[in-house]
Amino acid sequence: MGSFFIDATNLAWINGAADDPHDLCLHGHAKVTVGARTLEYADATVSAAALYLLKTVTEDHLSHTDNQLLPCCGFFLLPNEALDNVVIVGCDKGVDWSVLHAGEQVRLRLDDGYEVTVPLAAYRAEVFRFADKIEAFYAACTPKAPPEDALDRNGYAAFWNEWRRRRGK
């Protein structure tokens, strides 16, 4: 059995401030431990990372076939019509790995083929801990000003609707 750990430090908004009611995406230094390996991204969009990881609790993720699990950025939040799912569009920079479900186990596979298996319950607990840390940072800041653009406003609403559904809140 392997291990999985994720954390983010130096949390801030894109301008480097500790609070910004107009910035919707939180950034930070993300560090992931997969078994004996460590992956880092110094300025990841950790809010998008947390949502992507919440998705992997129930869905497989294949490296480099969608957004990176530690993305550099998230330019657009594209909501579905029901506002309960969002696609985050960013650039091709970031750090990625595969998450593959096998019953009550999750296989984490790095791009070089290194792989560990983690109990799904432990994986879920670690992803939830990370997502809760990111959500707590949002909660400690000034509430976000609703974006003027309807697509941005709906995208942000869908982001949190999907987050809460996947987190079980």
N, C-alpha and C. Protein backbone atom coordinates (compact mmCIF):
# COMPACT_ATOMS: atom_id res chain seq x y z
N MET A 1 0.84 -1.19 0.00
CA MET A 1 0.00 0.00 0.00
C MET A 1 0.88 1.24 0.00
N GLY A 2 0.47 2.19 -0.76
CA GLY A 2 1.20 3.45 -0.84
C GLY A 2 0.52 4.52 -0.02
N SER A 3 1.01 5.72 -0.16
CA SER A 3 0.44 6.84 0.57
C SER A 3 0.20 8.01 -0.39
N PHE A 4 -0.70 8.89 0.02
CA PHE A 4 -1.02 10.08 -0.75
C PHE A 4 -1.23 11.22 0.22
N PHE A 5 -0.59 12.36 -0.08
CA PHE A 5 -0.72 13.55 0.75
C PHE A 5 -0.68 14.76 -0.18
N ILE A 6 -1.51 15.75 0.11
CA ILE A 6 -1.47 16.99 -0.65
C ILE A 6 -1.65 18.17 0.29
N ASP A 7 -0.91 19.24 0.00
CA ASP A 7 -1.05 20.45 0.80
C ASP A 7 -0.71 21.65 -0.09
N ALA A 8 -1.10 22.80 0.39
CA ALA A 8 -0.77 24.05 -0.30
C ALA A 8 -0.38 25.08 0.74
N THR A 9 0.66 25.82 0.44
CA THR A 9 1.12 26.89 1.32
C THR A 9 1.16 28.18 0.51
N ASN A 10 1.46 29.27 1.18
CA ASN A 10 1.55 30.58 0.52
C ASN A 10 0.27 30.90 -0.26
N LEU A 11 -0.88 30.63 0.35
CA LEU A 11 -2.15 30.89 -0.30
C LEU A 11 -2.37 32.38 -0.50
N ALA A 12 -2.77 32.76 -1.70
CA ALA A 12 -2.98 34.17 -2.03
C ALA A 12 -3.78 34.26 -3.32
N TRP A 13 -4.28 35.45 -3.58
CA TRP A 13 -4.98 35.73 -4.83
C TRP A 13 -3.93 36.10 -5.87
N ILE A 14 -4.30 36.19 -7.11
CA ILE A 14 -3.34 36.34 -8.21
C ILE A 14 -2.43 37.56 -8.04
N ASN A 15 -2.93 38.61 -7.42
CA ASN A 15 -2.10 39.81 -7.21
C ASN A 15 -1.18 39.68 -6.00
N GLY A 16 -1.21 38.52 -5.34
CA GLY A 16 -0.36 38.29 -4.17
C GLY A 16 -0.98 38.70 -2.85
N ALA A 17 -2.15 39.30 -2.90
CA ALA A 17 -2.81 39.77 -1.68
C ALA A 17 -3.44 38.60 -0.92
N ALA A 18 -3.58 38.81 0.39
CA ALA A 18 -4.24 37.81 1.23
C ALA A 18 -5.76 37.87 1.08
N ASP A 19 -6.27 38.96 0.51
CA ASP A 19 -7.71 39.10 0.31
C ASP A 19 -7.94 39.93 -0.95
N ASP A 20 -8.92 39.52 -1.73
CA ASP A 20 -9.31 40.25 -2.94
C ASP A 20 -10.72 39.83 -3.30
N PRO A 21 -11.71 40.70 -3.07
CA PRO A 21 -13.10 40.30 -3.31
C PRO A 21 -13.45 40.12 -4.79
N HIS A 22 -12.56 40.47 -5.70
CA HIS A 22 -12.85 40.34 -7.12
C HIS A 22 -12.16 39.16 -7.79
N ASP A 23 -11.15 38.59 -7.14
CA ASP A 23 -10.43 37.44 -7.69
C ASP A 23 -11.14 36.17 -7.26
N LEU A 24 -11.51 35.33 -8.21
CA LEU A 24 -12.28 34.12 -7.91
C LEU A 24 -11.42 32.88 -7.71
N CYS A 25 -10.14 32.93 -8.13
CA CYS A 25 -9.28 31.75 -8.12
C CYS A 25 -8.13 31.90 -7.13
N LEU A 26 -8.05 30.96 -6.21
CA LEU A 26 -7.00 30.98 -5.19
C LEU A 26 -5.75 30.26 -5.71
N HIS A 27 -4.59 30.83 -5.42
CA HIS A 27 -3.30 30.27 -5.84
C HIS A 27 -2.47 29.90 -4.61
N GLY A 28 -1.49 29.05 -4.83
CA GLY A 28 -0.59 28.69 -3.76
C GLY A 28 0.46 27.70 -4.23
N HIS A 29 1.39 27.42 -3.34
CA HIS A 29 2.45 26.44 -3.62
C HIS A 29 1.88 25.07 -3.25
N ALA A 30 1.63 24.25 -4.26
CA ALA A 30 1.03 22.93 -4.04
C ALA A 30 2.12 21.86 -4.02
N LYS A 31 1.97 20.95 -3.08
CA LYS A 31 2.93 19.86 -2.94
C LYS A 31 2.15 18.57 -2.71
N VAL A 32 2.45 17.57 -3.54
CA VAL A 32 1.78 16.28 -3.48
C VAL A 32 2.82 15.20 -3.23
N THR A 33 2.51 14.29 -2.34
CA THR A 33 3.35 13.12 -2.11
C THR A 33 2.56 11.90 -2.56
N VAL A 34 3.11 11.18 -3.51
CA VAL A 34 2.55 9.93 -4.01
C VAL A 34 3.57 8.86 -3.69
N GLY A 35 3.28 8.05 -2.67
CA GLY A 35 4.26 7.05 -2.23
C GLY A 35 5.55 7.72 -1.84
N ALA A 36 6.65 7.36 -2.51
CA ALA A 36 7.98 7.91 -2.21
C ALA A 36 8.32 9.12 -3.07
N ARG A 37 7.40 9.57 -3.90
CA ARG A 37 7.65 10.67 -4.82
C ARG A 37 6.94 11.95 -4.39
N THR A 38 7.56 13.08 -4.72
CA THR A 38 6.97 14.38 -4.42
C THR A 38 6.84 15.17 -5.72
N LEU A 39 5.67 15.74 -5.90
CA LEU A 39 5.38 16.62 -7.03
C LEU A 39 5.05 17.99 -6.47
N GLU A 40 5.54 19.05 -7.13
CA GLU A 40 5.27 20.41 -6.65
C GLU A 40 4.96 21.32 -7.82
N TYR A 41 4.14 22.32 -7.53
CA TYR A 41 3.90 23.40 -8.48
C TYR A 41 3.82 24.68 -7.66
N ALA A 42 4.75 25.59 -7.91
CA ALA A 42 4.92 26.76 -7.05
C ALA A 42 3.75 27.73 -7.08
N ASP A 43 3.07 27.84 -8.20
CA ASP A 43 1.96 28.80 -8.27
C ASP A 43 0.75 28.15 -8.92
N ALA A 44 0.26 27.11 -8.29
CA ALA A 44 -0.90 26.39 -8.81
C ALA A 44 -2.19 27.14 -8.47
N THR A 45 -3.19 26.95 -9.30
CA THR A 45 -4.53 27.44 -8.97
C THR A 45 -5.15 26.36 -8.09
N VAL A 46 -4.97 26.53 -6.78
CA VAL A 46 -5.35 25.48 -5.83
C VAL A 46 -6.86 25.33 -5.68
N SER A 47 -7.61 26.37 -6.00
CA SER A 47 -9.07 26.22 -5.97
C SER A 47 -9.52 25.25 -7.06
N ALA A 48 -8.97 25.38 -8.26
CA ALA A 48 -9.28 24.44 -9.34
C ALA A 48 -8.74 23.05 -9.00
N ALA A 49 -7.54 22.99 -8.43
CA ALA A 49 -6.96 21.70 -8.04
C ALA A 49 -7.87 20.97 -7.07
N ALA A 50 -8.40 21.69 -6.09
CA ALA A 50 -9.28 21.05 -5.10
C ALA A 50 -10.54 20.49 -5.77
N LEU A 51 -11.14 21.25 -6.68
CA LEU A 51 -12.33 20.74 -7.36
C LEU A 51 -11.98 19.54 -8.23
N TYR A 52 -10.88 19.60 -8.97
CA TYR A 52 -10.47 18.47 -9.80
C TYR A 52 -10.25 17.22 -8.94
N LEU A 53 -9.61 17.40 -7.78
CA LEU A 53 -9.37 16.27 -6.89
C LEU A 53 -10.67 15.73 -6.32
N LEU A 54 -11.62 16.62 -5.99
CA LEU A 54 -12.93 16.15 -5.53
C LEU A 54 -13.58 15.27 -6.60
N LYS A 55 -13.42 15.61 -7.87
CA LYS A 55 -13.97 14.79 -8.95
C LYS A 55 -13.34 13.40 -8.94
N THR A 56 -12.02 13.33 -8.61
CA THR A 56 -11.33 12.04 -8.66
C THR A 56 -11.72 11.10 -7.52
N VAL A 57 -12.47 11.58 -6.56
CA VAL A 57 -12.94 10.70 -5.49
C VAL A 57 -13.90 9.66 -6.08
N THR A 58 -14.64 10.04 -7.11
CA THR A 58 -15.62 9.11 -7.72
C THR A 58 -15.35 8.81 -9.19
N GLU A 59 -14.43 9.55 -9.82
CA GLU A 59 -14.19 9.38 -11.25
C GLU A 59 -12.71 9.17 -11.52
N ASP A 60 -12.40 8.36 -12.52
CA ASP A 60 -11.02 8.21 -12.96
C ASP A 60 -10.55 9.51 -13.62
N HIS A 61 -9.25 9.72 -13.55
CA HIS A 61 -8.62 10.84 -14.25
C HIS A 61 -7.37 10.30 -14.93
N LEU A 62 -7.29 10.48 -16.25
CA LEU A 62 -6.11 10.06 -16.99
C LEU A 62 -5.22 11.27 -17.24
N SER A 63 -3.98 11.14 -16.87
CA SER A 63 -3.01 12.22 -17.02
C SER A 63 -3.00 12.75 -18.44
N HIS A 64 -3.01 14.07 -18.54
CA HIS A 64 -2.88 14.80 -19.80
C HIS A 64 -4.00 14.55 -20.81
N THR A 65 -5.18 14.13 -20.33
CA THR A 65 -6.33 14.00 -21.22
C THR A 65 -7.39 15.05 -20.90
N ASP A 66 -7.18 15.77 -19.83
CA ASP A 66 -8.10 16.82 -19.39
C ASP A 66 -7.24 17.86 -18.69
N ASN A 67 -7.82 18.61 -17.81
CA ASN A 67 -7.04 19.58 -17.04
C ASN A 67 -6.08 18.88 -16.09
N GLN A 68 -4.98 19.55 -15.79
CA GLN A 68 -4.01 19.00 -14.85
C GLN A 68 -4.61 19.03 -13.44
N LEU A 69 -4.21 18.09 -12.61
CA LEU A 69 -4.70 18.07 -11.23
C LEU A 69 -4.11 19.22 -10.41
N LEU A 70 -2.92 19.68 -10.78
CA LEU A 70 -2.35 20.91 -10.20
C LEU A 70 -2.19 21.89 -11.35
N PRO A 71 -3.25 22.61 -11.71
CA PRO A 71 -3.17 23.50 -12.87
C PRO A 71 -2.48 24.81 -12.58
N CYS A 72 -1.87 25.36 -13.59
CA CYS A 72 -1.27 26.68 -13.51
C CYS A 72 -2.37 27.73 -13.34
N CYS A 73 -3.41 27.62 -14.16
CA CYS A 73 -4.41 28.68 -14.17
C CYS A 73 -5.78 28.11 -14.52
N GLY A 74 -6.76 28.96 -14.39
CA GLY A 74 -8.13 28.65 -14.77
C GLY A 74 -8.75 29.93 -15.28
N PHE A 75 -8.64 30.17 -16.58
CA PHE A 75 -9.09 31.44 -17.15
C PHE A 75 -10.60 31.60 -17.13
N PHE A 76 -11.31 30.51 -17.44
CA PHE A 76 -12.76 30.59 -17.57
C PHE A 76 -13.42 29.47 -16.79
N LEU A 77 -14.53 29.78 -16.16
CA LEU A 77 -15.37 28.80 -15.50
C LEU A 77 -16.61 28.65 -16.36
N LEU A 78 -16.72 27.53 -17.08
CA LEU A 78 -17.83 27.32 -18.00
C LEU A 78 -18.86 26.40 -17.36
N PRO A 79 -20.02 26.97 -16.99
CA PRO A 79 -21.03 26.17 -16.30
C PRO A 79 -21.90 25.36 -17.27
N ASN A 80 -22.48 24.27 -16.76
CA ASN A 80 -23.50 23.61 -17.54
C ASN A 80 -24.83 24.35 -17.31
N GLU A 81 -25.85 23.96 -18.02
CA GLU A 81 -27.13 24.68 -17.96
C GLU A 81 -27.75 24.64 -16.57
N ALA A 82 -27.60 23.52 -15.87
CA ALA A 82 -28.19 23.36 -14.54
C ALA A 82 -27.37 24.06 -13.44
N LEU A 83 -26.21 24.58 -13.79
CA LEU A 83 -25.29 25.23 -12.84
C LEU A 83 -24.86 24.29 -11.71
N ASP A 84 -24.70 22.99 -12.05
CA ASP A 84 -24.24 22.05 -11.02
C ASP A 84 -22.91 21.37 -11.39
N ASN A 85 -22.37 21.72 -12.56
CA ASN A 85 -21.05 21.26 -12.97
C ASN A 85 -20.37 22.39 -13.73
N VAL A 86 -19.04 22.40 -13.65
CA VAL A 86 -18.28 23.45 -14.31
C VAL A 86 -17.06 22.84 -14.98
N VAL A 87 -16.70 23.39 -16.11
CA VAL A 87 -15.44 23.06 -16.77
C VAL A 87 -14.55 24.28 -16.60
N ILE A 88 -13.36 24.06 -16.10
CA ILE A 88 -12.42 25.15 -15.89
C ILE A 88 -11.39 25.09 -17.01
N VAL A 89 -11.31 26.16 -17.78
CA VAL A 89 -10.40 26.22 -18.91
C VAL A 89 -9.17 27.00 -18.50
N GLY A 90 -8.01 26.39 -18.68
CA GLY A 90 -6.75 27.05 -18.35
C GLY A 90 -5.72 26.80 -19.43
N CYS A 91 -4.47 26.96 -19.07
CA CYS A 91 -3.38 26.72 -20.02
C CYS A 91 -2.90 25.28 -19.90
N ASP A 92 -1.85 24.92 -20.63
CA ASP A 92 -1.36 23.55 -20.61
C ASP A 92 -0.22 23.34 -19.62
N LYS A 93 0.01 24.31 -18.75
CA LYS A 93 1.06 24.17 -17.74
C LYS A 93 0.46 23.63 -16.44
N GLY A 94 1.25 22.92 -15.70
CA GLY A 94 0.80 22.36 -14.43
C GLY A 94 1.42 20.99 -14.23
N VAL A 95 0.94 20.30 -13.22
CA VAL A 95 1.42 18.96 -12.88
C VAL A 95 0.23 18.02 -12.90
N ASP A 96 0.45 16.83 -13.45
CA ASP A 96 -0.66 15.90 -13.59
C ASP A 96 -0.21 14.48 -13.29
N TRP A 97 -1.15 13.63 -12.96
CA TRP A 97 -0.96 12.21 -12.76
C TRP A 97 -2.31 11.55 -12.97
N SER A 98 -2.33 10.24 -13.07
CA SER A 98 -3.58 9.51 -13.28
C SER A 98 -4.11 9.00 -11.95
N VAL A 99 -5.44 8.97 -11.86
CA VAL A 99 -6.15 8.42 -10.70
C VAL A 99 -7.11 7.38 -11.26
N LEU A 100 -6.90 6.12 -10.88
CA LEU A 100 -7.68 5.01 -11.43
C LEU A 100 -8.32 4.22 -10.29
N HIS A 101 -9.62 4.06 -10.36
CA HIS A 101 -10.36 3.35 -9.32
C HIS A 101 -10.38 1.85 -9.61
N ALA A 102 -10.21 1.07 -8.55
CA ALA A 102 -10.30 -0.38 -8.63
C ALA A 102 -10.97 -0.87 -7.35
N GLY A 103 -12.31 -0.87 -7.35
CA GLY A 103 -13.05 -1.26 -6.16
C GLY A 103 -12.83 -0.26 -5.05
N GLU A 104 -12.35 -0.72 -3.93
CA GLU A 104 -12.11 0.14 -2.77
C GLU A 104 -10.66 0.64 -2.71
N GLN A 105 -9.99 0.59 -3.85
CA GLN A 105 -8.61 1.06 -3.96
C GLN A 105 -8.52 2.12 -5.05
N VAL A 106 -7.53 2.97 -4.95
CA VAL A 106 -7.25 3.96 -5.98
C VAL A 106 -5.78 3.81 -6.36
N ARG A 107 -5.52 3.67 -7.67
CA ARG A 107 -4.15 3.62 -8.17
C ARG A 107 -3.77 5.01 -8.63
N LEU A 108 -2.65 5.49 -8.16
CA LEU A 108 -2.11 6.78 -8.54
C LEU A 108 -0.87 6.51 -9.40
N ARG A 109 -0.92 6.94 -10.65
CA ARG A 109 0.16 6.64 -11.59
C ARG A 109 0.78 7.94 -12.10
N LEU A 110 2.09 8.07 -11.89
CA LEU A 110 2.81 9.23 -12.39
C LEU A 110 3.17 9.02 -13.86
N ASP A 111 3.55 10.09 -14.52
CA ASP A 111 3.84 10.04 -15.96
C ASP A 111 4.98 9.09 -16.31
N ASP A 112 5.92 8.88 -15.37
CA ASP A 112 7.04 7.99 -15.66
C ASP A 112 6.72 6.52 -15.37
N GLY A 113 5.46 6.22 -15.03
CA GLY A 113 5.05 4.85 -14.77
C GLY A 113 5.04 4.47 -13.30
N TYR A 114 5.65 5.27 -12.44
CA TYR A 114 5.64 5.00 -11.00
C TYR A 114 4.19 4.97 -10.53
N GLU A 115 3.85 3.99 -9.71
CA GLU A 115 2.46 3.81 -9.32
C GLU A 115 2.36 3.32 -7.87
N VAL A 116 1.38 3.82 -7.16
CA VAL A 116 1.06 3.32 -5.82
C VAL A 116 -0.45 3.10 -5.75
N THR A 117 -0.84 2.21 -4.85
CA THR A 117 -2.25 1.96 -4.60
C THR A 117 -2.56 2.43 -3.19
N VAL A 118 -3.67 3.16 -3.07
CA VAL A 118 -4.09 3.76 -1.81
C VAL A 118 -5.53 3.33 -1.54
N PRO A 119 -5.88 3.01 -0.29
CA PRO A 119 -7.28 2.73 0.00
C PRO A 119 -8.16 3.94 -0.35
N LEU A 120 -9.29 3.69 -1.00
CA LEU A 120 -10.18 4.77 -1.40
C LEU A 120 -10.57 5.63 -0.20
N ALA A 121 -10.82 5.03 0.94
CA ALA A 121 -11.22 5.80 2.12
C ALA A 121 -10.13 6.77 2.55
N ALA A 122 -8.88 6.35 2.50
CA ALA A 122 -7.77 7.23 2.87
C ALA A 122 -7.59 8.33 1.82
N TYR A 123 -7.74 7.97 0.56
CA TYR A 123 -7.63 8.95 -0.52
C TYR A 123 -8.72 10.01 -0.37
N ARG A 124 -9.96 9.57 -0.17
CA ARG A 124 -11.08 10.49 0.00
C ARG A 124 -10.84 11.43 1.19
N ALA A 125 -10.37 10.89 2.30
CA ALA A 125 -10.13 11.70 3.50
C ALA A 125 -9.07 12.78 3.22
N GLU A 126 -8.03 12.43 2.48
CA GLU A 126 -6.97 13.40 2.19
C GLU A 126 -7.46 14.47 1.21
N VAL A 127 -8.20 14.07 0.19
CA VAL A 127 -8.76 15.05 -0.74
C VAL A 127 -9.72 15.98 -0.01
N PHE A 128 -10.58 15.44 0.84
CA PHE A 128 -11.52 16.27 1.61
C PHE A 128 -10.78 17.23 2.54
N ARG A 129 -9.70 16.76 3.17
CA ARG A 129 -8.92 17.63 4.06
C ARG A 129 -8.36 18.81 3.27
N PHE A 130 -7.81 18.52 2.09
CA PHE A 130 -7.25 19.57 1.25
C PHE A 130 -8.34 20.54 0.79
N ALA A 131 -9.44 20.02 0.29
CA ALA A 131 -10.55 20.88 -0.17
C ALA A 131 -11.08 21.73 0.97
N ASP A 132 -11.17 21.17 2.15
CA ASP A 132 -11.66 21.93 3.31
C ASP A 132 -10.71 23.07 3.66
N LYS A 133 -9.41 22.84 3.51
CA LYS A 133 -8.43 23.90 3.77
C LYS A 133 -8.61 25.05 2.78
N ILE A 134 -8.81 24.72 1.52
CA ILE A 134 -9.00 25.75 0.50
C ILE A 134 -10.31 26.50 0.76
N GLU A 135 -11.37 25.78 1.06
CA GLU A 135 -12.66 26.42 1.33
C GLU A 135 -12.58 27.32 2.56
N ALA A 136 -11.83 26.92 3.57
CA ALA A 136 -11.67 27.73 4.78
C ALA A 136 -10.97 29.05 4.46
N PHE A 137 -10.03 29.03 3.52
CA PHE A 137 -9.36 30.28 3.13
C PHE A 137 -10.37 31.23 2.49
N TYR A 138 -11.20 30.70 1.59
CA TYR A 138 -12.26 31.53 1.00
C TYR A 138 -13.15 32.11 2.09
N ALA A 139 -13.55 31.27 3.03
CA ALA A 139 -14.48 31.70 4.09
C ALA A 139 -13.89 32.79 4.97
N ALA A 140 -12.57 32.79 5.12
CA ALA A 140 -11.90 33.78 5.98
C ALA A 140 -11.70 35.12 5.27
N CYS A 141 -11.95 35.16 3.97
CA CYS A 141 -11.77 36.38 3.18
C CYS A 141 -13.10 37.11 3.02
N THR A 142 -12.98 38.33 2.52
CA THR A 142 -14.16 39.11 2.17
C THR A 142 -14.98 38.32 1.16
N PRO A 143 -16.30 38.29 1.29
CA PRO A 143 -17.11 37.58 0.30
C PRO A 143 -16.81 38.12 -1.11
N LYS A 144 -16.85 37.22 -2.07
CA LYS A 144 -16.55 37.59 -3.45
C LYS A 144 -17.66 38.48 -4.02
N ALA A 145 -17.25 39.51 -4.71
CA ALA A 145 -18.20 40.38 -5.41
C ALA A 145 -18.71 39.60 -6.62
N PRO A 146 -20.02 39.52 -6.82
CA PRO A 146 -20.53 38.79 -7.99
C PRO A 146 -20.00 39.41 -9.28
N PRO A 147 -19.44 38.57 -10.16
CA PRO A 147 -18.95 39.11 -11.43
C PRO A 147 -20.10 39.77 -12.21
N GLU A 148 -19.78 40.83 -12.92
CA GLU A 148 -20.79 41.52 -13.72
C GLU A 148 -21.24 40.68 -14.91
N ASP A 149 -20.31 39.97 -15.54
CA ASP A 149 -20.61 39.15 -16.70
C ASP A 149 -21.41 37.92 -16.28
N ALA A 150 -22.52 37.64 -16.95
CA ALA A 150 -23.40 36.53 -16.59
C ALA A 150 -22.69 35.18 -16.68
N LEU A 151 -21.85 34.97 -17.71
CA LEU A 151 -21.12 33.71 -17.84
C LEU A 151 -20.18 33.51 -16.67
N ASP A 152 -19.44 34.56 -16.29
CA ASP A 152 -18.54 34.46 -15.14
C ASP A 152 -19.31 34.23 -13.85
N ARG A 153 -20.41 34.93 -13.67
CA ARG A 153 -21.23 34.79 -12.46
C ARG A 153 -21.80 33.36 -12.37
N ASN A 154 -22.32 32.85 -13.49
CA ASN A 154 -22.87 31.49 -13.49
C ASN A 154 -21.78 30.44 -13.34
N GLY A 155 -20.61 30.70 -13.93
CA GLY A 155 -19.49 29.78 -13.78
C GLY A 155 -19.04 29.66 -12.34
N TYR A 156 -18.99 30.80 -11.64
CA TYR A 156 -18.59 30.78 -10.24
C TYR A 156 -19.64 30.08 -9.38
N ALA A 157 -20.91 30.32 -9.67
CA ALA A 157 -21.98 29.63 -8.94
C ALA A 157 -21.90 28.12 -9.18
N ALA A 158 -21.68 27.72 -10.42
CA ALA A 158 -21.58 26.29 -10.75
C ALA A 158 -20.37 25.66 -10.07
N PHE A 159 -19.27 26.41 -10.00
CA PHE A 159 -18.06 25.91 -9.32
C PHE A 159 -18.40 25.50 -7.89
N TRP A 160 -19.06 26.39 -7.14
CA TRP A 160 -19.37 26.08 -5.74
C TRP A 160 -20.50 25.07 -5.61
N ASN A 161 -21.44 25.05 -6.54
CA ASN A 161 -22.49 24.03 -6.50
C ASN A 161 -21.89 22.64 -6.70
N GLU A 162 -20.99 22.52 -7.68
CA GLU A 162 -20.35 21.23 -7.89
C GLU A 162 -19.46 20.87 -6.71
N TRP A 163 -18.72 21.83 -6.19
CA TRP A 163 -17.85 21.59 -5.03
C TRP A 163 -18.66 21.01 -3.87
N ARG A 164 -19.73 21.69 -3.51
CA ARG A 164 -20.53 21.25 -2.35
C ARG A 164 -21.17 19.88 -2.60
N ARG A 165 -21.62 19.63 -3.81
CA ARG A 165 -22.20 18.32 -4.12
C ARG A 165 -21.15 17.23 -3.99
N ARG A 166 -19.97 17.47 -4.55
CA ARG A 166 -18.92 16.45 -4.50
C ARG A 166 -18.34 16.30 -3.09
N ARG A 167 -18.33 17.36 -2.34
CA ARG A 167 -17.82 17.30 -0.96
C ARG A 167 -18.87 16.73 0.00
N GLY A 168 -20.13 16.71 -0.45
CA GLY A 168 -21.19 16.17 0.39
C GLY A 168 -21.75 17.18 1.35
N LYS A 169 -21.72 18.47 0.94
CA LYS A 169 -22.24 19.53 1.82
C LYS A 169 -23.50 20.09 1.22
